[in-house]
C-alpha cells in the first residue's frame, strides 16, 4: 500500500467538547461555569496533583480530601476509573 503524504487528522469527540454544568459539590473544585468534559477532567487532575491526593504506593488510587469526599459520595479513596463514574453523577 503506497504511503500518502497527507497526515490523518483525528476528529475531536463531540461529546467531550460539549460544555457540562458542574453541580455545587464539583464546582468547589473545578469552578461553577459550564466547561467541556475534557477540560473538567484536566482541572480535576490538576487539583489532585496540586494537593498530592494521588496514592503514592498505588498510583491508580485517589485519596479524597474534604472537597473530593463530597464528590466521591463519602468514600475516602477511589480508583481513577471509579472517579470518572462518580464525577459523571455531579454534572448536568
PDB file of N, CA and C in Angstrom:
ATOM      1  N   UNK A   1       0.840  -1.171   0.000  1.00  0.00           N
ATOM      2  CA  UNK A   1       0.000   0.000   0.000  1.00  0.00           C
ATOM      3  C   UNK A   1       0.898   1.251   0.000  1.00  0.00           C
ATOM      4  N   UNK A   2       0.697   2.157  -0.941  1.00  0.00           N
ATOM      5  CA  UNK A   2       1.553   3.340  -1.001  1.00  0.00           C
ATOM      6  C   UNK A   2       1.296   4.295   0.163  1.00  0.00           C
ATOM      7  N   UNK A   3       2.378   4.890   0.622  1.00  0.00           N
ATOM      8  CA  UNK A   3       2.289   5.811   1.747  1.00  0.00           C
ATOM      9  C   UNK A   3       1.894   7.193   1.228  1.00  0.00           C
ATOM     10  N   UNK A   4       0.917   7.799   1.849  1.00  0.00           N
ATOM     11  CA  UNK A   4       0.495   9.130   1.414  1.00  0.00           C
ATOM     12  C   UNK A   4       1.152  10.189   2.291  1.00  0.00           C
ATOM     13  N   UNK A   5       1.294  11.375   1.745  1.00  0.00           N
ATOM     14  CA  UNK A   5       1.895  12.474   2.484  1.00  0.00           C
ATOM     15  C   UNK A   5       0.883  13.155   3.416  1.00  0.00           C
ATOM     16  N   UNK A   6      -0.398  12.904   3.176  1.00  0.00           N
ATOM     17  CA  UNK A   6      -1.434  13.566   3.971  1.00  0.00           C
ATOM     18  C   UNK A   6      -1.532  12.933   5.365  1.00  0.00           C
ATOM     19  N   UNK A   7      -1.290  13.725   6.428  1.00  0.00           N
ATOM     20  CA  UNK A   7      -1.420  13.147   7.777  1.00  0.00           C
ATOM     21  C   UNK A   7      -2.899  12.919   8.115  1.00  0.00           C
ATOM     22  N   UNK A   8      -3.152  11.877   8.883  1.00  0.00           N
ATOM     23  CA  UNK A   8      -4.526  11.616   9.271  1.00  0.00           C
ATOM     24  C   UNK A   8      -4.891  12.534  10.422  1.00  0.00           C
ATOM     25  N   UNK A   9      -6.012  13.222  10.267  1.00  0.00           N
ATOM     26  CA  UNK A   9      -6.457  14.123  11.324  1.00  0.00           C
ATOM     27  C   UNK A   9      -7.550  13.446  12.126  1.00  0.00           C
ATOM     28  N   UNK A  10      -7.412  13.542  13.421  1.00  0.00           N
ATOM     29  CA  UNK A  10      -8.371  12.915  14.317  1.00  0.00           C
ATOM     30  C   UNK A  10      -9.459  13.924  14.642  1.00  0.00           C
ATOM     31  N   UNK A  11     -10.704  13.526  14.427  1.00  0.00           N
ATOM     32  CA  UNK A  11     -11.820  14.420  14.706  1.00  0.00           C
ATOM     33  C   UNK A  11     -12.107  14.400  16.203  1.00  0.00           C
ATOM     34  N   UNK A  12     -12.190  15.571  16.872  1.00  0.00           N
ATOM     35  CA  UNK A  12     -12.472  15.564  18.304  1.00  0.00           C
ATOM     36  C   UNK A  12     -13.849  14.998  18.599  1.00  0.00           C
ATOM     37  N   UNK A  13     -13.955  14.298  19.699  1.00  0.00           N
ATOM     38  CA  UNK A  13     -15.217  13.701  20.109  1.00  0.00           C
ATOM     39  C   UNK A  13     -16.180  14.806  20.534  1.00  0.00           C
ATOM     40  N   UNK A  14     -17.318  14.898  19.853  1.00  0.00           N
ATOM     41  CA  UNK A  14     -18.292  15.962  20.129  1.00  0.00           C
ATOM     42  C   UNK A  14     -18.804  15.918  21.566  1.00  0.00           C
ATOM     43  N   UNK A  15     -18.941  14.719  22.119  1.00  0.00           N
ATOM     44  CA  UNK A  15     -19.439  14.585  23.495  1.00  0.00           C
ATOM     45  C   UNK A  15     -18.460  15.189  24.501  1.00  0.00           C
ATOM     46  N   UNK A  16     -17.164  15.107  24.214  1.00  0.00           N
ATOM     47  CA  UNK A  16     -16.165  15.670  25.121  1.00  0.00           C
ATOM     48  C   UNK A  16     -16.038  17.181  24.966  1.00  0.00           C
ATOM     49  N   UNK A  17     -16.496  17.718  23.840  1.00  0.00           N
ATOM     50  CA  UNK A  17     -16.380  19.151  23.575  1.00  0.00           C
ATOM     51  C   UNK A  17     -17.592  19.940  24.101  1.00  0.00           C
ATOM     52  N   UNK A  18     -18.729  19.264  24.292  1.00  0.00           N
ATOM     53  CA  UNK A  18     -19.944  19.935  24.733  1.00  0.00           C
ATOM     54  C   UNK A  18     -19.817  20.365  26.193  1.00  0.00           C
ATOM     55  N   UNK A  19     -20.059  21.650  26.493  1.00  0.00           N
ATOM     56  CA  UNK A  19     -19.942  22.095  27.884  1.00  0.00           C
ATOM     57  C   UNK A  19     -20.953  21.420  28.811  1.00  0.00           C
ATOM     58  N   UNK A  20     -20.509  21.057  29.989  1.00  0.00           N
ATOM     59  CA  UNK A  20     -21.374  20.471  31.014  1.00  0.00           C
ATOM     60  C   UNK A  20     -21.358  21.387  32.234  1.00  0.00           C
ATOM     61  N   UNK A  21     -22.437  21.346  33.010  1.00  0.00           N
ATOM     62  CA  UNK A  21     -22.561  22.195  34.191  1.00  0.00           C
ATOM     63  C   UNK A  21     -22.267  21.390  35.452  1.00  0.00           C
ATOM     64  N   UNK A  22     -21.153  21.712  36.163  1.00  0.00           N
ATOM     65  CA  UNK A  22     -20.863  21.013  37.417  1.00  0.00           C
ATOM     66  C   UNK A  22     -21.864  21.421  38.501  1.00  0.00           C
ATOM     67  N   UNK A  23     -22.237  20.477  39.374  1.00  0.00           N
ATOM     68  CA  UNK A  23     -23.131  20.817  40.487  1.00  0.00           C
ATOM     69  C   UNK A  23     -22.329  21.523  41.577  1.00  0.00           C
ATOM     70  N   UNK A  24     -22.974  21.864  42.688  1.00  0.00           N
ATOM     71  CA  UNK A  24     -22.339  22.639  43.757  1.00  0.00           C
ATOM     72  C   UNK A  24     -21.097  21.942  44.317  1.00  0.00           C
ATOM     73  N   UNK A  25     -21.166  20.615  44.531  1.00  0.00           N
ATOM     74  CA  UNK A  25     -20.036  19.873  45.107  1.00  0.00           C
ATOM     75  C   UNK A  25     -18.824  19.910  44.182  1.00  0.00           C
ATOM     76  N   UNK A  26     -19.050  19.691  42.895  1.00  0.00           N
ATOM     77  CA  UNK A  26     -17.957  19.672  41.926  1.00  0.00           C
ATOM     78  C   UNK A  26     -17.456  21.087  41.623  1.00  0.00           C
ATOM     79  N   UNK A  27     -18.351  22.073  41.710  1.00  0.00           N
ATOM     80  CA  UNK A  27     -17.982  23.475  41.462  1.00  0.00           C
ATOM     81  C   UNK A  27     -16.914  23.963  42.438  1.00  0.00           C
ATOM     82  N   UNK A  28     -16.907  23.423  43.639  1.00  0.00           N
ATOM     83  CA  UNK A  28     -15.906  23.810  44.639  1.00  0.00           C
ATOM     84  C   UNK A  28     -14.495  23.460  44.166  1.00  0.00           C
ATOM     85  N   UNK A  29     -14.390  22.516  43.245  1.00  0.00           N
ATOM     86  CA  UNK A  29     -13.087  22.054  42.766  1.00  0.00           C
ATOM     87  C   UNK A  29     -12.744  22.628  41.384  1.00  0.00           C
ATOM     88  N   UNK A  30     -13.697  22.580  40.453  1.00  0.00           N
ATOM     89  CA  UNK A  30     -13.405  22.964  39.063  1.00  0.00           C
ATOM     90  C   UNK A  30     -13.996  24.310  38.649  1.00  0.00           C
ATOM     91  N   UNK A  31     -14.757  24.948  39.512  1.00  0.00           N
ATOM     92  CA  UNK A  31     -15.398  26.214  39.152  1.00  0.00           C
ATOM     93  C   UNK A  31     -16.850  25.988  38.745  1.00  0.00           C
ATOM     94  N   UNK A  32     -17.634  27.062  38.760  1.00  0.00           N
ATOM     95  CA  UNK A  32     -19.077  26.907  38.544  1.00  0.00           C
ATOM     96  C   UNK A  32     -19.523  27.160  37.108  1.00  0.00           C
ATOM     97  N   UNK A  33     -18.614  27.581  36.230  1.00  0.00           N
ATOM     98  CA  UNK A  33     -19.014  27.845  34.847  1.00  0.00           C
ATOM     99  C   UNK A  33     -19.053  26.543  34.050  1.00  0.00           C
ATOM    100  N   UNK A  34     -19.978  26.449  33.072  1.00  0.00           N
ATOM    101  CA  UNK A  34     -20.027  25.244  32.230  1.00  0.00           C
ATOM    102  C   UNK A  34     -18.722  25.101  31.434  1.00  0.00           C
ATOM    103  N   UNK A  35     -18.137  23.916  31.477  1.00  0.00           N
ATOM    104  CA  UNK A  35     -16.890  23.641  30.750  1.00  0.00           C
ATOM    105  C   UNK A  35     -16.994  22.289  30.053  1.00  0.00           C
ATOM    106  N   UNK A  36     -16.240  22.097  28.958  1.00  0.00           N
ATOM    107  CA  UNK A  36     -16.242  20.792  28.286  1.00  0.00           C
ATOM    108  C   UNK A  36     -15.737  19.690  29.220  1.00  0.00           C
ATOM    109  N   UNK A  37     -16.218  18.490  29.011  1.00  0.00           N
ATOM    110  CA  UNK A  37     -15.875  17.354  29.870  1.00  0.00           C
ATOM    111  C   UNK A  37     -14.367  17.105  29.927  1.00  0.00           C
ATOM    112  N   UNK A  38     -13.689  17.247  28.803  1.00  0.00           N
ATOM    113  CA  UNK A  38     -12.234  17.052  28.768  1.00  0.00           C
ATOM    114  C   UNK A  38     -11.517  18.060  29.644  1.00  0.00           C
ATOM    115  N   UNK A  39     -11.975  19.308  29.596  1.00  0.00           N
ATOM    116  CA  UNK A  39     -11.382  20.372  30.416  1.00  0.00           C
ATOM    117  C   UNK A  39     -11.682  20.123  31.896  1.00  0.00           C
ATOM    118  N   UNK A  40     -12.882  19.617  32.183  1.00  0.00           N
ATOM    119  CA  UNK A  40     -13.282  19.298  33.559  1.00  0.00           C
ATOM    120  C   UNK A  40     -12.345  18.240  34.142  1.00  0.00           C
ATOM    121  N   UNK A  41     -12.077  17.206  33.372  1.00  0.00           N
ATOM    122  CA  UNK A  41     -11.181  16.134  33.814  1.00  0.00           C
ATOM    123  C   UNK A  41      -9.777  16.685  34.051  1.00  0.00           C
ATOM    124  N   UNK A  42      -9.317  17.567  33.167  1.00  0.00           N
ATOM    125  CA  UNK A  42      -7.992  18.173  33.308  1.00  0.00           C
ATOM    126  C   UNK A  42      -7.924  18.987  34.608  1.00  0.00           C
ATOM    127  N   UNK A  43      -8.954  19.794  34.883  1.00  0.00           N
ATOM    128  CA  UNK A  43      -8.964  20.611  36.099  1.00  0.00           C
ATOM    129  C   UNK A  43      -9.002  19.729  37.349  1.00  0.00           C
ATOM    130  N   UNK A  44      -9.749  18.636  37.264  1.00  0.00           N
ATOM    131  CA  UNK A  44      -9.836  17.704  38.385  1.00  0.00           C
ATOM    132  C   UNK A  44      -8.459  17.100  38.681  1.00  0.00           C
ATOM    133  N   UNK A  45      -7.734  16.686  37.637  1.00  0.00           N
ATOM    134  CA  UNK A  45      -6.393  16.122  37.812  1.00  0.00           C
ATOM    135  C   UNK A  45      -5.406  17.166  38.303  1.00  0.00           C
ATOM    136  N   UNK A  46      -5.547  18.410  37.828  1.00  0.00           N
ATOM    137  CA  UNK A  46      -4.676  19.494  38.322  1.00  0.00           C
ATOM    138  C   UNK A  46      -4.865  19.652  39.825  1.00  0.00           C
ATOM    139  N   UNK A  47      -6.121  19.595  40.279  1.00  0.00           N
ATOM    140  CA  UNK A  47      -6.450  19.717  41.703  1.00  0.00           C
ATOM    141  C   UNK A  47      -5.839  18.558  42.493  1.00  0.00           C
ATOM    142  N   UNK A  48      -5.989  17.347  41.965  1.00  0.00           N
ATOM    143  CA  UNK A  48      -5.466  16.143  42.633  1.00  0.00           C
ATOM    144  C   UNK A  48      -3.940  16.232  42.771  1.00  0.00           C
ATOM    145  N   UNK A  49      -3.264  16.636  41.693  1.00  0.00           N
ATOM    146  CA  UNK A  49      -1.795  16.736  41.720  1.00  0.00           C
ATOM    147  C   UNK A  49      -1.327  17.867  42.624  1.00  0.00           C
ATOM    148  N   UNK A  50      -2.009  19.030  42.543  1.00  0.00           N
ATOM    149  CA  UNK A  50      -1.617  20.190  43.350  1.00  0.00           C
ATOM    150  C   UNK A  50      -1.697  19.883  44.845  1.00  0.00           C
ATOM    151  N   UNK A  51      -2.696  19.088  45.233  1.00  0.00           N
ATOM    152  CA  UNK A  51      -2.912  18.765  46.642  1.00  0.00           C
ATOM    153  C   UNK A  51      -2.311  17.418  47.060  1.00  0.00           C
ATOM    154  N   UNK A  52      -1.573  16.758  46.154  1.00  0.00           N
ATOM    155  CA  UNK A  52      -0.908  15.491  46.470  1.00  0.00           C
ATOM    156  C   UNK A  52      -1.866  14.389  46.886  1.00  0.00           C
ATOM    157  N   UNK A  53      -2.983  14.258  46.158  1.00  0.00           N
ATOM    158  CA  UNK A  53      -4.016  13.298  46.548  1.00  0.00           C
ATOM    159  C   UNK A  53      -3.895  11.944  45.848  1.00  0.00           C
ATOM    160  N   UNK A  54      -2.950  11.815  44.918  1.00  0.00           N
ATOM    161  CA  UNK A  54      -2.744  10.521  44.267  1.00  0.00           C
ATOM    162  C   UNK A  54      -1.975   9.631  45.231  1.00  0.00           C
ATOM    163  N   UNK A  55      -2.459   8.406  45.435  1.00  0.00           N
ATOM    164  CA  UNK A  55      -1.818   7.482  46.366  1.00  0.00           C
ATOM    165  C   UNK A  55      -0.381   7.208  45.914  1.00  0.00           C
ATOM    166  N   UNK A  56       0.561   7.271  46.839  1.00  0.00           N
ATOM    167  CA  UNK A  56       1.976   7.113  46.491  1.00  0.00           C
ATOM    168  C   UNK A  56       2.364   5.668  46.199  1.00  0.00           C
ATOM    169  N   UNK A  57       1.720   4.708  46.854  1.00  0.00           N
ATOM    170  CA  UNK A  57       2.078   3.311  46.626  1.00  0.00           C
ATOM    171  C   UNK A  57       1.335   2.720  45.435  1.00  0.00           C
ATOM    172  N   UNK A  58       0.044   3.043  45.292  1.00  0.00           N
ATOM    173  CA  UNK A  58      -0.735   2.540  44.163  1.00  0.00           C
ATOM    174  C   UNK A  58      -1.293   3.739  43.412  1.00  0.00           C
ATOM    175  N   UNK A  59      -0.618   4.127  42.325  1.00  0.00           N
ATOM    176  CA  UNK A  59      -0.900   5.365  41.595  1.00  0.00           C
ATOM    177  C   UNK A  59      -2.301   5.444  40.992  1.00  0.00           C
ATOM    178  N   UNK A  60      -3.006   4.312  40.862  1.00  0.00           N
ATOM    179  CA  UNK A  60      -4.356   4.347  40.282  1.00  0.00           C
ATOM    180  C   UNK A  60      -5.411   4.755  41.315  1.00  0.00           C
ATOM    181  N   UNK A  61      -5.000   4.922  42.577  1.00  0.00           N
ATOM    182  CA  UNK A  61      -5.951   5.313  43.619  1.00  0.00           C
ATOM    183  C   UNK A  61      -5.846   6.800  43.939  1.00  0.00           C
ATOM    184  N   UNK A  62      -7.003   7.399  44.212  1.00  0.00           N
ATOM    185  CA  UNK A  62      -7.074   8.809  44.579  1.00  0.00           C
ATOM    186  C   UNK A  62      -7.570   8.889  46.015  1.00  0.00           C
ATOM    187  N   UNK A  63      -6.814   9.592  46.870  1.00  0.00           N
ATOM    188  CA  UNK A  63      -7.219   9.802  48.260  1.00  0.00           C
ATOM    189  C   UNK A  63      -8.029  11.095  48.311  1.00  0.00           C
ATOM    190  N   UNK A  64      -9.213  11.042  48.879  1.00  0.00           N
ATOM    191  CA  UNK A  64     -10.101  12.206  48.902  1.00  0.00           C
ATOM    192  C   UNK A  64      -9.788  13.141  50.060  1.00  0.00           C
ATOM    193  N   UNK A  65      -9.784  14.451  49.758  1.00  0.00           N
ATOM    194  CA  UNK A  65      -9.754  15.439  50.835  1.00  0.00           C
ATOM    195  C   UNK A  65     -11.222  15.805  51.105  1.00  0.00           C
ATOM    196  N   UNK A  66     -11.478  16.796  51.936  1.00  0.00           N
ATOM    197  CA  UNK A  66     -12.860  17.139  52.309  1.00  0.00           C
ATOM    198  C   UNK A  66     -13.721  17.480  51.092  1.00  0.00           C
ATOM    199  N   UNK A  67     -13.174  18.259  50.141  1.00  0.00           N
ATOM    200  CA  UNK A  67     -13.942  18.658  48.957  1.00  0.00           C
ATOM    201  C   UNK A  67     -14.230  17.472  48.039  1.00  0.00           C
ATOM    202  N   UNK A  68     -13.236  16.610  47.843  1.00  0.00           N
ATOM    203  CA  UNK A  68     -13.425  15.452  46.960  1.00  0.00           C
ATOM    204  C   UNK A  68     -14.311  14.385  47.586  1.00  0.00           C
ATOM    205  N   UNK A  69     -14.294  14.287  48.906  1.00  0.00           N
ATOM    206  CA  UNK A  69     -15.107  13.276  49.589  1.00  0.00           C
ATOM    207  C   UNK A  69     -16.588  13.473  49.252  1.00  0.00           C
ATOM    208  N   UNK A  70     -17.022  14.727  49.127  1.00  0.00           N
ATOM    209  CA  UNK A  70     -18.409  15.029  48.757  1.00  0.00           C
ATOM    210  C   UNK A  70     -18.694  14.513  47.342  1.00  0.00           C
ATOM    211  N   UNK A  71     -17.759  14.748  46.419  1.00  0.00           N
ATOM    212  CA  UNK A  71     -17.907  14.289  45.037  1.00  0.00           C
ATOM    213  C   UNK A  71     -17.860  12.762  44.967  1.00  0.00           C
ATOM    214  N   UNK A  72     -17.033  12.145  45.818  1.00  0.00           N
ATOM    215  CA  UNK A  72     -16.881  10.682  45.825  1.00  0.00           C
ATOM    216  C   UNK A  72     -17.922   9.980  46.688  1.00  0.00           C
ATOM    217  N   UNK A  73     -19.019  10.654  46.988  1.00  0.00           N
ATOM    218  CA  UNK A  73     -20.123  10.090  47.792  1.00  0.00           C
ATOM    219  C   UNK A  73     -19.649   9.569  49.145  1.00  0.00           C
ATOM    220  N   UNK A  74     -18.752  10.319  49.787  1.00  0.00           N
ATOM    221  CA  UNK A  74     -18.299   9.970  51.128  1.00  0.00           C
ATOM    222  C   UNK A  74     -17.155   8.975  51.209  1.00  0.00           C
ATOM    223  N   UNK A  75     -16.683   8.465  50.062  1.00  0.00           N
ATOM    224  CA  UNK A  75     -15.585   7.495  50.071  1.00  0.00           C
ATOM    225  C   UNK A  75     -14.252   8.206  50.296  1.00  0.00           C
ATOM    226  N   UNK A  76     -13.382   7.604  51.096  1.00  0.00           N
ATOM    227  CA  UNK A  76     -12.075   8.190  51.400  1.00  0.00           C
ATOM    228  C   UNK A  76     -11.070   7.938  50.284  1.00  0.00           C
ATOM    229  N   UNK A  77     -11.280   6.852  49.510  1.00  0.00           N
ATOM    230  CA  UNK A  77     -10.339   6.509  48.443  1.00  0.00           C
ATOM    231  C   UNK A  77     -11.106   5.810  47.318  1.00  0.00           C
ATOM    232  N   UNK A  78     -10.822   6.227  46.072  1.00  0.00           N
ATOM    233  CA  UNK A  78     -11.439   5.582  44.904  1.00  0.00           C
ATOM    234  C   UNK A  78     -10.366   5.363  43.846  1.00  0.00           C
ATOM    235  N   UNK A  79     -10.641   4.442  42.913  1.00  0.00           N
ATOM    236  CA  UNK A  79      -9.718   4.254  41.791  1.00  0.00           C
ATOM    237  C   UNK A  79     -10.006   5.345  40.762  1.00  0.00           C
ATOM    238  N   UNK A  80      -9.038   5.619  39.895  1.00  0.00           N
ATOM    239  CA  UNK A  80      -9.262   6.674  38.903  1.00  0.00           C
ATOM    240  C   UNK A  80     -10.396   6.312  37.942  1.00  0.00           C
ATOM    241  N   UNK A  81     -10.678   5.028  37.769  1.00  0.00           N
ATOM    242  CA  UNK A  81     -11.769   4.601  36.892  1.00  0.00           C
ATOM    243  C   UNK A  81     -13.113   4.836  37.575  1.00  0.00           C
ATOM    244  N   UNK A  82     -13.170   4.552  38.862  1.00  0.00           N
ATOM    245  CA  UNK A  82     -14.385   4.796  39.626  1.00  0.00           C
ATOM    246  C   UNK A  82     -14.634   6.301  39.746  1.00  0.00           C
ATOM    247  N   UNK A  83     -13.556   7.074  39.810  1.00  0.00           N
ATOM    248  CA  UNK A  83     -13.665   8.524  39.933  1.00  0.00           C
ATOM    249  C   UNK A  83     -14.457   9.115  38.766  1.00  0.00           C
ATOM    250  N   UNK A  84     -14.179   8.689  37.541  1.00  0.00           N
ATOM    251  CA  UNK A  84     -14.876   9.249  36.383  1.00  0.00           C
ATOM    252  C   UNK A  84     -16.370   8.938  36.448  1.00  0.00           C
ATOM    253  N   UNK A  85     -16.712   7.753  36.952  1.00  0.00           N
ATOM    254  CA  UNK A  85     -18.129   7.376  37.097  1.00  0.00           C
ATOM    255  C   UNK A  85     -18.806   8.246  38.147  1.00  0.00           C
ATOM    256  N   UNK A  86     -18.131   8.470  39.270  1.00  0.00           N
ATOM    257  CA  UNK A  86     -18.687   9.287  40.343  1.00  0.00           C
ATOM    258  C   UNK A  86     -18.831  10.750  39.924  1.00  0.00           C
ATOM    259  N   UNK A  87     -17.864  11.255  39.182  1.00  0.00           N
ATOM    260  CA  UNK A  87     -17.913  12.651  38.708  1.00  0.00           C
ATOM    261  C   UNK A  87     -19.082  12.839  37.753  1.00  0.00           C
ATOM    262  N   UNK A  88     -19.376  11.825  36.937  1.00  0.00           N
ATOM    263  CA  UNK A  88     -20.499  11.916  35.996  1.00  0.00           C
ATOM    264  C   UNK A  88     -21.821  12.185  36.705  1.00  0.00           C
ATOM    265  N   UNK A  89     -21.949  11.746  37.941  1.00  0.00           N
ATOM    266  CA  UNK A  89     -23.157  11.992  38.705  1.00  0.00           C
ATOM    267  C   UNK A  89     -23.263  13.418  39.210  1.00  0.00           C
ATOM    268  N   UNK A  90     -22.225  14.222  39.031  1.00  0.00           N
ATOM    269  CA  UNK A  90     -22.205  15.595  39.523  1.00  0.00           C
ATOM    270  C   UNK A  90     -22.222  16.640  38.410  1.00  0.00           C
ATOM    271  N   UNK A  91     -22.570  16.200  37.176  1.00  0.00           N
ATOM    272  CA  UNK A  91     -22.665  17.153  36.077  1.00  0.00           C
ATOM    273  C   UNK A  91     -24.038  17.074  35.419  1.00  0.00           C
ATOM    274  N   UNK A  92     -24.455  18.198  34.871  1.00  0.00           N
ATOM    275  CA  UNK A  92     -25.771  18.262  34.203  1.00  0.00           C
ATOM    276  C   UNK A  92     -25.570  18.467  32.724  1.00  0.00           C
TER     277      UNK A  92
END
